[in-house]
Amino acid sequence: MPQSFSEKLFEEALKLMPGGVNSPVRAFGAVGGTPLFIAKAQGAKLWDVDGNEYIDYVGSWGPAILGHAHPKVVAAVQQACERGFSFGAPTELESRLASMVRQIFPSIEKLRFVNSGTEAAMSAVRLARGVTGRDKIIKFEGCYHGHADYLLVKAGSGAATFGIPSSTGVPADFAKHTLVASYNDLKGVGRLFEENKNQIACVIVEPVAGNMGCVPPQPGFLKGLKDLCTAHGALLIFDEVMTGFRVALGGAQALYNIKPDLTCLGKILGGGLPVGAYGGLKNLMDQLAPLGKVYQAGTLSGNPLAMTAGIETLNQLTQKGVYDRLNEIASKLTNGLKNILEKKKLPHQIQAVGSMWTLFCKEGPVGFKKFFHNALEKGIYLPPSQFETCFVSLAHKNEEIDHTLHVFESIL
């Protein structure tokens, strides 16, 4: 069988970049085979360098909520490009987007733009430590908050252990200040607070976990975290890099009616361009330089291209009926998939919140690797890992969903 262009490009990439990729999951390590090299994307579809067409449920890992290359976003960014890519100085665009975010998220009185979700989470934790004067933080096993050293930890034996680095190159002294709890285990978090009195600066959590598949919070979990933080003088940070504007216009905090102290945003906020943000109450955010003693900076933060893409994306998302339509599309897909699996009496679990969803496959006839490659061969592009979330966009029409379900029925 002749070698594909993707295979040729991957061979070359392996000589130039570690693993041939710039982010590990892209290497197809969890599913095997050669990663696709994408040539273009439009709406709900991707085309690889070999000309194969796919219905896309990765959506650039979340930000393509309008679909790829939405014409109004493209036009706005093209006009912004003509005015210059980056100035390293304030622009009116930053204030416009910040104002839109503040209107959508009542918990955010002030915010600061950064360039990625990693920067947002890292900066929010630094701010929490600076405000409280404490060093320790609590995160949850399976929740990903970027690759800052002290957030790259895994749990030890039980919820009350210190975290240990899950990556070489992370000093143990950094990780020892990170306590790891089990997601949805409120009692475990309470024990950590009791065993580390007056030492915990913050709890950081994905309010809907998206990096161990889509895992929703159990009733009372998020409110319980807020109550524990308040009782112990710690801050609650919602990492809504994935869920912000995705599970609801105002993110998971709107969906579950919980106001965190700080919020991290990203993905959709830049309309697909690199961006992040963190924000919260004025008295907290004013502890940042140049007003306060907590330092954070970035040359490309708030760059005009990302701000422009974000403004136009939010213009589209704030139109009437948008989220009803988005949730309708997602429900059509997940309910259809559930019906197929039940009809075939195959063991499964489907979890979904808004337009985020995951099919958890069990080994046997529906093993994920087999499911992934069979779907790919028939033009359905899913995340190349069992523990990544799938996304539906507003560009997915009924015909794409119907075709996807037809493919799923044929391969399951």
Protein backbone atom coordinates (compact mmCIF):
# COMPACT_ATOMS: atom_id res chain seq x y z
CA MET A 1 0.00 0.00 0.00
CA PRO A 2 1.54 3.36 -0.99
CA GLN A 3 2.61 5.69 1.79
CA SER A 4 0.18 8.52 2.50
CA PHE A 5 1.21 12.17 2.66
CA SER A 6 0.40 12.15 6.39
CA GLU A 7 2.81 9.27 6.89
CA LYS A 8 5.53 11.04 4.92
CA LEU A 9 5.02 14.27 6.82
CA PHE A 10 5.06 12.44 10.14
CA GLU A 11 8.37 10.79 9.28
CA GLU A 12 9.84 14.23 8.60
CA ALA A 13 8.28 15.72 11.72
CA LEU A 14 9.82 12.97 13.87
CA LYS A 15 13.24 14.25 12.83
CA LEU A 16 12.40 17.82 13.78
CA MET A 17 10.15 17.71 16.87
CA PRO A 18 9.97 15.37 19.89
CA GLY A 19 7.48 12.68 18.96
CA GLY A 20 6.83 14.58 15.75
CA VAL A 21 4.32 16.85 17.50
CA ASN A 22 4.01 20.01 19.56
CA SER A 23 1.49 18.58 22.03
CA PRO A 24 1.71 14.93 23.12
CA VAL A 25 -1.85 13.69 22.50
CA ARG A 26 -1.53 14.58 18.81
CA ALA A 27 0.98 11.76 18.34
CA PHE A 28 -1.78 9.08 18.45
CA GLY A 29 0.17 7.31 21.19
CA ALA A 30 -3.01 6.19 22.95
CA VAL A 31 -4.59 4.70 19.84
CA GLY A 32 -1.65 3.76 17.62
CA GLY A 33 -1.15 4.54 13.98
CA THR A 34 -0.04 7.71 12.23
CA PRO A 35 -1.60 11.06 13.13
CA LEU A 36 -3.44 12.89 10.42
CA PHE A 37 -1.89 16.07 9.09
CA ILE A 38 -4.69 18.55 8.52
CA ALA A 39 -4.73 20.77 5.45
CA LYS A 40 -7.86 22.85 6.12
CA ALA A 41 -11.06 23.06 8.11
CA GLN A 42 -14.44 24.63 7.45
CA GLY A 43 -17.62 24.44 9.47
CA ALA A 44 -17.94 21.00 11.06
CA LYS A 45 -15.41 19.36 8.77
CA LEU A 46 -11.67 18.78 8.37
CA TRP A 47 -9.63 17.71 5.34
CA ASP A 48 -6.27 16.02 5.69
CA VAL A 49 -3.31 16.43 3.36
CA ASP A 50 -4.41 13.34 1.43
CA GLY A 51 -7.75 14.96 0.63
CA ASN A 52 -9.83 12.83 3.01
CA GLU A 53 -12.85 14.54 4.56
CA TYR A 54 -13.91 14.13 8.20
CA ILE A 55 -16.74 15.29 10.43
CA ASP A 56 -14.85 16.82 13.33
CA TYR A 57 -15.67 16.24 17.01
CA VAL A 58 -12.37 17.60 18.33
CA GLY A 59 -12.98 21.22 17.40
CA SER A 60 -9.36 22.19 18.09
CA TRP A 61 -9.96 20.72 21.56
CA GLY A 62 -12.93 22.94 22.26
CA PRO A 63 -12.65 26.49 20.88
CA ALA A 64 -14.35 25.84 17.52
CA ILE A 65 -17.81 26.24 19.05
CA LEU A 66 -19.03 28.17 15.99
CA GLY A 67 -17.37 25.66 13.68
CA HIS A 68 -14.09 26.19 11.89
CA ALA A 69 -13.35 29.40 10.00
CA HIS A 70 -16.66 31.10 10.76
CA PRO A 71 -16.96 33.75 8.01
CA LYS A 72 -17.63 36.67 10.37
CA VAL A 73 -14.71 35.77 12.60
CA VAL A 74 -12.45 35.32 9.58
CA ALA A 75 -13.46 38.70 8.14
CA ALA A 76 -12.92 40.48 11.46
CA VAL A 77 -9.46 38.93 11.95
CA GLN A 78 -8.45 39.74 8.37
CA GLN A 79 -9.29 43.39 8.96
CA ALA A 80 -7.38 43.35 12.24
CA CYS A 81 -4.32 41.86 10.51
CA GLU A 82 -4.20 44.82 8.18
CA ARG A 83 -3.86 47.12 11.19
CA GLY A 84 -0.96 45.16 12.71
CA PHE A 85 -0.45 41.91 14.58
CA SER A 86 0.77 43.09 17.97
CA PHE A 87 1.72 46.38 19.58
CA GLY A 88 2.82 45.56 23.13
CA ALA A 89 0.62 48.46 24.18
CA PRO A 90 -3.01 48.89 25.29
CA THR A 91 -5.80 48.76 22.74
CA GLU A 92 -9.51 49.50 22.92
CA LEU A 93 -10.16 45.90 21.85
CA GLU A 94 -8.94 44.61 25.21
CA SER A 95 -11.48 46.71 27.07
CA ARG A 96 -14.28 45.72 24.69
CA LEU A 97 -13.70 42.01 25.19
CA ALA A 98 -13.15 42.41 28.93
CA SER A 99 -16.46 44.25 29.20
CA MET A 100 -18.25 41.46 27.35
CA VAL A 101 -16.73 38.83 29.64
CA ARG A 102 -17.71 40.81 32.73
CA GLN A 103 -21.31 41.03 31.55
CA ILE A 104 -21.45 37.27 30.98
CA PHE A 105 -19.65 36.22 34.19
CA PRO A 106 -21.00 38.07 37.26
CA SER A 107 -18.19 36.62 39.42
CA ILE A 108 -15.62 38.52 37.32
CA GLU A 109 -15.34 42.21 38.21
CA LYS A 110 -11.86 42.59 36.73
CA LEU A 111 -9.76 40.30 34.56
CA ARG A 112 -6.43 40.05 32.86
CA PHE A 113 -5.76 38.49 29.46
CA VAL A 114 -2.92 36.04 28.95
CA ASN A 115 -1.93 33.77 26.08
CA SER A 116 -3.04 30.30 27.17
CA GLY A 117 -4.99 28.30 29.68
CA THR A 118 -1.73 27.25 31.30
CA GLU A 119 -0.85 30.91 31.92
CA ALA A 120 -4.32 31.63 33.26
CA ALA A 121 -4.24 28.80 35.80
CA MET A 122 -0.63 29.47 36.80
CA SER A 123 -1.36 33.16 37.33
CA ALA A 124 -4.58 32.57 39.25
CA VAL A 125 -2.82 30.22 41.67
CA ARG A 126 0.01 32.74 42.14
CA LEU A 127 -2.56 35.43 42.89
CA ALA A 128 -4.32 33.18 45.41
CA ARG A 129 -1.02 32.50 47.16
CA GLY A 130 -0.14 36.18 47.17
CA VAL A 131 -3.50 37.26 48.57
CA THR A 132 -3.68 34.59 51.30
CA GLY A 133 0.02 34.40 52.17
CA ARG A 134 -0.22 30.60 52.02
CA ASP A 135 1.70 28.07 49.92
CA LYS A 136 -0.38 24.91 49.63
CA ILE A 137 -3.06 24.28 47.04
CA ILE A 138 -5.58 21.51 46.40
CA LYS A 139 -6.16 20.07 42.94
CA PHE A 140 -8.00 16.96 41.79
CA GLU A 141 -6.63 13.81 40.27
CA GLY A 142 -7.52 13.71 36.59
CA CYS A 143 -8.07 17.48 36.30
CA TYR A 144 -5.57 19.23 34.04
CA HIS A 145 -4.71 22.88 34.54
CA GLY A 146 -1.80 23.29 32.16
CA HIS A 147 1.82 22.32 32.58
CA ALA A 148 3.02 24.61 35.36
CA ASP A 149 5.38 22.62 37.60
CA TYR A 150 3.25 22.55 40.73
CA LEU A 151 0.13 21.49 38.79
CA LEU A 152 1.81 18.52 37.11
CA VAL A 153 1.30 16.15 40.02
CA LYS A 154 -0.58 12.93 40.60
CA ALA A 155 -2.17 11.52 43.74
CA GLY A 156 -0.29 9.31 46.15
CA SER A 157 -2.01 6.63 48.23
CA GLY A 158 -5.25 8.30 49.20
CA ALA A 159 -6.63 11.81 49.12
CA ALA A 160 -4.63 13.06 52.11
CA THR A 161 -1.17 12.53 50.62
CA PHE A 162 1.18 15.11 49.21
CA GLY A 163 1.39 15.20 45.46
CA ILE A 164 4.47 13.86 43.72
CA PRO A 165 5.66 15.03 40.33
CA SER A 166 4.08 13.25 37.34
CA SER A 167 6.76 14.62 35.03
CA THR A 168 10.50 14.48 35.31
CA GLY A 169 12.01 17.93 35.51
CA VAL A 170 9.57 19.00 38.20
CA PRO A 171 11.38 19.45 41.53
CA ALA A 172 9.78 17.55 44.39
CA ASP A 173 9.98 20.73 46.47
CA PHE A 174 7.54 22.37 44.03
CA ALA A 175 5.09 19.49 44.05
CA LYS A 176 5.05 19.04 47.82
CA HIS A 177 2.88 22.11 48.19
CA THR A 178 0.21 20.54 45.96
CA LEU A 179 -2.34 18.34 47.69
CA VAL A 180 -4.35 15.99 45.49
CA ALA A 181 -7.94 14.94 46.12
CA SER A 182 -10.36 12.71 44.22
CA TYR A 183 -12.86 14.51 42.03
CA ASN A 184 -16.37 14.49 43.52
CA ASP A 185 -14.99 13.42 46.93
CA LEU A 186 -16.00 16.31 49.17
CA LYS A 187 -15.09 14.47 52.38
CA GLY A 188 -11.55 13.98 51.10
CA VAL A 189 -11.20 17.71 50.50
CA GLY A 190 -12.48 18.38 53.99
CA ARG A 191 -9.82 16.09 55.44
CA LEU A 192 -7.10 17.94 53.57
CA PHE A 193 -8.29 21.24 55.03
CA GLU A 194 -8.37 19.79 58.55
CA GLU A 195 -4.90 18.28 58.24
CA ASN A 196 -3.41 21.48 56.79
CA LYS A 197 -5.08 24.19 58.83
CA ASN A 198 -4.36 27.76 57.72
CA GLN A 199 -1.93 26.52 55.05
CA ILE A 200 -4.12 26.12 51.95
CA ALA A 201 -4.31 29.09 49.61
CA CYS A 202 -6.83 27.74 47.12
CA VAL A 203 -8.72 24.87 45.58
CA ILE A 204 -8.50 24.73 41.79
CA VAL A 205 -10.98 22.55 39.93
CA GLU A 206 -12.47 21.93 36.52
CA PRO A 207 -16.15 22.37 37.47
CA VAL A 208 -16.93 19.82 34.77
CA ALA A 209 -13.90 17.62 34.37
CA GLY A 210 -12.83 17.44 30.75
CA ASN A 211 -9.41 15.86 30.82
CA MET A 212 -10.44 12.43 32.10
CA GLY A 213 -13.33 12.35 29.71
CA CYS A 214 -16.41 14.43 30.42
CA VAL A 215 -17.18 13.93 34.13
CA PRO A 216 -19.89 16.16 35.63
CA PRO A 217 -19.86 17.21 39.28
CA GLN A 218 -22.12 15.31 41.64
CA PRO A 219 -24.94 17.33 43.23
CA GLY A 220 -23.58 19.49 46.03
CA PHE A 221 -19.90 18.98 45.16
CA LEU A 222 -19.18 22.47 43.82
CA LYS A 223 -21.21 24.20 46.52
CA GLY A 224 -19.41 22.10 49.11
CA LEU A 225 -16.05 23.25 47.75
CA LYS A 226 -17.18 26.87 47.97
CA ASP A 227 -18.34 26.39 51.56
CA LEU A 228 -15.08 24.68 52.59
CA CYS A 229 -12.98 27.43 51.02
CA THR A 230 -15.00 30.13 52.70
CA ALA A 231 -14.80 28.40 56.09
CA HIS A 232 -11.02 27.97 55.88
CA GLY A 233 -10.08 31.32 54.33
CA ALA A 234 -9.02 29.81 50.99
CA LEU A 235 -10.00 30.86 47.47
CA LEU A 236 -11.99 28.72 45.05
CA ILE A 237 -10.66 28.79 41.48
CA PHE A 238 -12.83 27.47 38.66
CA ASP A 239 -10.71 26.42 35.70
CA GLU A 240 -13.27 27.12 32.98
CA VAL A 241 -10.73 27.09 30.15
CA MET A 242 -12.76 24.26 28.63
CA THR A 243 -16.23 24.82 30.11
CA GLY A 244 -16.38 28.61 29.84
CA PHE A 245 -18.87 29.55 27.08
CA ARG A 246 -19.13 25.82 26.31
CA VAL A 247 -21.53 24.19 28.82
CA ALA A 248 -23.47 27.47 29.06
CA LEU A 249 -22.86 31.06 28.00
CA GLY A 250 -21.68 31.88 31.53
CA GLY A 251 -19.82 28.61 31.93
CA ALA A 252 -20.29 25.95 34.57
CA GLN A 253 -20.69 28.59 37.28
CA ALA A 254 -23.86 29.78 35.55
CA LEU A 255 -25.06 26.23 34.94
CA TYR A 256 -24.61 25.22 38.58
CA ASN A 257 -25.18 28.65 40.15
CA ILE A 258 -21.84 28.80 42.02
CA LYS A 259 -19.66 31.92 42.17
CA PRO A 260 -15.95 31.08 42.47
CA ASP A 261 -13.44 33.61 43.78
CA LEU A 262 -11.32 33.39 40.63
CA THR A 263 -12.08 32.07 37.15
CA CYS A 264 -9.72 30.89 34.41
CA LEU A 265 -10.89 31.20 30.80
CA GLY A 266 -9.44 30.29 27.42
CA LYS A 267 -10.21 28.23 24.30
CA ILE A 268 -13.43 29.83 23.03
CA LEU A 269 -12.49 33.25 24.40
CA GLY A 270 -10.02 33.66 21.55
CA GLY A 271 -12.24 32.23 18.84
CA GLY A 272 -9.55 29.65 18.12
CA LEU A 273 -6.56 31.99 18.44
CA PRO A 274 -4.18 31.58 21.42
CA VAL A 275 -5.66 33.34 24.45
CA GLY A 276 -6.49 32.91 28.10
CA ALA A 277 -7.77 35.08 30.92
CA TYR A 278 -8.27 35.01 34.66
CA GLY A 279 -10.48 37.22 36.72
CA GLY A 280 -12.48 37.70 39.89
CA LEU A 281 -13.47 40.23 42.48
CA LYS A 282 -11.93 43.68 42.22
CA ASN A 283 -10.22 43.48 45.62
CA LEU A 284 -8.44 40.28 44.53
CA MET A 285 -7.45 41.36 41.03
CA ASP A 286 -6.13 44.69 42.28
CA GLN A 287 -3.38 42.77 44.07
CA LEU A 288 -1.74 42.32 40.66
CA ALA A 289 1.07 44.58 39.47
CA PRO A 290 1.14 47.46 38.79
CA LEU A 291 -1.37 48.04 41.62
CA GLY A 292 -0.23 45.25 43.92
CA LYS A 293 2.72 43.01 44.67
CA VAL A 294 1.74 39.91 42.66
CA TYR A 295 3.63 40.04 39.37
CA GLN A 296 2.48 38.71 36.02
CA ALA A 297 3.19 40.00 32.52
CA GLY A 298 3.12 39.00 28.86
CA THR A 299 4.20 40.74 25.67
CA LEU A 300 1.46 39.19 23.54
CA SER A 301 -1.26 39.28 26.20
CA GLY A 302 -4.35 40.97 24.80
CA ASN A 303 -2.97 41.01 21.26
CA PRO A 304 -5.41 42.56 18.77
CA LEU A 305 -5.92 39.45 16.64
CA ALA A 306 -7.04 37.27 19.56
CA MET A 307 -9.16 40.08 21.00
CA THR A 308 -10.88 40.61 17.66
CA ALA A 309 -11.60 36.90 17.22
CA GLY A 310 -12.94 36.74 20.77
CA ILE A 311 -15.23 39.74 20.34
CA GLU A 312 -16.79 38.39 17.16
CA THR A 313 -17.14 34.89 18.63
CA LEU A 314 -18.98 36.24 21.68
CA ASN A 315 -21.12 38.40 19.39
CA GLN A 316 -22.33 35.18 17.78
CA LEU A 317 -22.75 33.27 21.05
CA THR A 318 -24.86 35.96 22.69
CA GLN A 319 -27.54 35.80 20.00
CA LYS A 320 -30.94 34.46 21.05
CA GLY A 321 -31.43 30.69 20.91
CA VAL A 322 -27.80 29.80 20.24
CA TYR A 323 -27.36 27.52 23.24
CA ASP A 324 -30.74 25.86 22.75
CA ARG A 325 -29.60 24.91 19.26
CA LEU A 326 -26.15 23.80 20.44
CA ASN A 327 -27.57 21.58 23.19
CA GLU A 328 -30.17 20.20 20.80
CA ILE A 329 -27.43 19.10 18.40
CA ALA A 330 -25.40 17.49 21.17
CA SER A 331 -28.43 15.68 22.62
CA LYS A 332 -29.37 14.32 19.19
CA LEU A 333 -25.90 12.82 18.88
CA THR A 334 -25.51 11.41 22.39
CA ASN A 335 -29.08 10.08 22.62
CA GLY A 336 -28.71 8.48 19.22
CA LEU A 337 -25.43 6.86 20.21
CA LYS A 338 -26.95 5.62 23.46
CA ASN A 339 -29.86 4.05 21.58
CA ILE A 340 -27.47 2.24 19.25
CA LEU A 341 -25.43 0.83 22.12
CA GLU A 342 -28.50 -0.26 24.06
CA LYS A 343 -30.03 -1.89 20.99
CA LYS A 344 -26.82 -3.84 20.43
CA LYS A 345 -26.58 -4.60 24.18
CA LEU A 346 -23.03 -3.33 24.35
CA PRO A 347 -21.54 -2.21 27.69
CA HIS A 348 -20.97 1.52 27.71
CA GLN A 349 -21.23 4.78 29.55
CA ILE A 350 -21.97 8.10 27.87
CA GLN A 351 -21.46 11.28 29.88
CA ALA A 352 -22.34 14.71 28.59
CA VAL A 353 -22.78 18.28 29.79
CA GLY A 354 -23.96 20.78 27.21
CA SER A 355 -21.92 20.29 24.04
CA MET A 356 -19.19 18.26 25.78
CA TRP A 357 -19.51 14.47 25.66
CA THR A 358 -17.53 11.26 26.07
CA LEU A 359 -18.26 7.62 25.26
CA PHE A 360 -16.43 5.44 27.74
CA CYS A 361 -15.74 2.14 26.00
CA LYS A 362 -15.00 -1.10 27.79
CA GLU A 363 -12.46 -3.59 26.54
CA GLY A 364 -13.90 -6.24 24.29
CA PRO A 365 -16.08 -5.61 21.23
CA VAL A 366 -16.18 -1.86 21.87
CA GLY A 367 -12.55 -1.19 22.82
CA PHE A 368 -11.72 2.47 22.25
CA LYS A 369 -8.75 1.94 19.91
CA LYS A 370 -10.84 -0.17 17.57
CA PHE A 371 -13.77 2.22 17.78
CA PHE A 372 -11.54 5.24 17.09
CA HIS A 373 -9.84 3.77 14.01
CA ASN A 374 -13.04 2.34 12.55
CA ALA A 375 -14.68 5.75 12.91
CA LEU A 376 -11.66 7.48 11.38
CA GLU A 377 -11.71 5.18 8.36
CA LYS A 378 -15.32 6.17 7.77
CA GLY A 379 -14.70 9.90 8.07
CA ILE A 380 -15.44 10.63 11.74
CA TYR A 381 -12.64 12.45 13.58
CA LEU A 382 -12.68 11.84 17.34
CA PRO A 383 -10.07 12.77 19.98
CA PRO A 384 -7.26 10.18 19.82
CA SER A 385 -7.59 9.27 23.50
CA GLN A 386 -10.31 7.65 25.58
CA PHE A 387 -9.81 10.31 28.23
CA GLU A 388 -10.37 13.40 26.12
CA THR A 389 -13.70 15.13 25.67
CA CYS A 390 -15.55 15.31 22.36
CA PHE A 391 -17.16 18.58 21.27
CA VAL A 392 -20.12 19.51 19.11
CA SER A 393 -20.29 22.87 17.34
CA LEU A 394 -23.02 25.09 15.98
CA ALA A 395 -21.81 24.14 12.51
CA HIS A 396 -22.88 20.52 12.99
CA LYS A 397 -26.15 20.17 11.13
CA ASN A 398 -28.70 17.37 11.33
CA GLU A 399 -27.24 15.68 8.26
CA GLU A 400 -23.78 15.49 9.88
CA ILE A 401 -25.25 14.06 13.07
CA ASP A 402 -27.36 11.55 11.13
CA HIS A 403 -24.34 10.45 9.12
CA THR A 404 -22.23 10.13 12.28
CA LEU A 405 -24.86 7.93 13.93
CA HIS A 406 -25.08 5.81 10.77
CA VAL A 407 -21.31 5.31 10.93
CA PHE A 408 -21.38 4.50 14.66
CA GLU A 409 -24.13 1.92 14.09
CA SER A 410 -22.11 0.28 11.33
CA ILE A 411 -18.92 -0.07 13.37
CA LEU A 412 -20.27 -0.98 16.81
